[in-house]
Amino acid sequence: MPRPTPGPLLSVRAAVVLLIAAVVGLVAGALGFLATGSVPAAVLTGGGAAGGAALLFHTLVDSR
């Protein structure tokens, strides 16, 4: 008896939200690096922006 194929790891909605959040985090991190010249500050800036963007786009992207 063949095994049933497993479902996808992420839904399309989750993948889109995480992709947009990652892009926002990268852009914010790059701008933070250009402004300060400090890699740790840029990483913290990008991480904070990605987290905020994930929360924002989680509420904005419709799950229909």
Protein backbone atom coordinates (compact mmCIF):
# COMPACT_ATOMS: atom_id res chain seq x y z
CA MET A 1 0.00 0.00 0.00
CA PRO A 2 1.59 3.32 -1.07
CA ARG A 3 2.09 6.03 1.50
CA PRO A 4 -0.03 9.15 1.20
CA THR A 5 1.94 12.17 0.10
CA PRO A 6 2.45 14.70 2.88
CA GLY A 7 0.97 18.16 2.62
CA PRO A 8 3.04 21.27 1.98
CA LEU A 9 5.38 22.50 4.71
CA LEU A 10 4.03 26.06 4.46
CA SER A 11 0.84 27.44 3.03
CA VAL A 12 1.08 29.92 0.18
CA ARG A 13 -0.12 32.68 2.50
CA ALA A 14 2.58 31.94 5.09
CA ALA A 15 5.26 31.84 2.40
CA VAL A 16 4.15 35.20 0.98
CA VAL A 17 4.05 36.84 4.43
CA LEU A 18 7.52 35.54 5.33
CA LEU A 19 8.96 36.50 1.94
CA ILE A 20 7.67 40.07 2.17
CA ALA A 21 8.91 40.33 5.77
CA ALA A 22 12.35 39.10 4.72
CA VAL A 23 12.55 41.65 1.89
CA VAL A 24 11.52 44.47 4.25
CA GLY A 25 14.13 43.30 6.77
CA LEU A 26 16.88 43.18 4.16
CA VAL A 27 16.08 46.64 2.86
CA ALA A 28 15.91 48.11 6.37
CA GLY A 29 19.16 46.39 7.33
CA ALA A 30 20.91 47.69 4.22
CA LEU A 31 19.69 51.21 4.92
CA GLY A 32 20.76 50.88 8.53
CA PHE A 33 24.23 49.79 7.46
CA LEU A 34 24.52 52.67 5.02
CA ALA A 35 23.45 55.11 7.73
CA THR A 36 25.67 53.85 10.56
CA GLY A 37 28.36 51.68 8.98
CA SER A 38 27.86 49.18 11.81
CA VAL A 39 26.95 45.58 10.98
CA PRO A 40 25.45 44.76 14.41
CA ALA A 41 23.24 47.84 14.27
CA ALA A 42 22.14 46.91 10.76
CA VAL A 43 21.27 43.36 11.84
CA LEU A 44 19.22 44.63 14.77
CA THR A 45 17.47 47.17 12.54
CA GLY A 46 16.67 44.56 9.90
CA GLY A 47 15.47 42.02 12.46
CA GLY A 48 13.17 44.51 14.10
CA ALA A 49 11.78 45.63 10.77
CA ALA A 50 11.24 42.04 9.63
CA GLY A 51 9.39 41.19 12.83
CA GLY A 52 7.17 44.22 12.53
CA ALA A 53 6.54 43.56 8.86
CA ALA A 54 5.59 39.95 9.59
CA LEU A 55 2.98 41.11 12.11
CA LEU A 56 1.70 43.77 9.73
CA PHE A 57 1.43 41.54 6.67
CA HIS A 58 -0.07 38.71 8.75
CA THR A 59 -3.03 40.98 9.38
CA LEU A 60 -3.14 42.49 5.88
CA VAL A 61 -2.86 39.42 3.67
CA ASP A 62 -6.29 37.85 3.40
CA SER A 63 -6.51 34.09 3.99
CA ARG A 64 -9.41 33.43 1.58
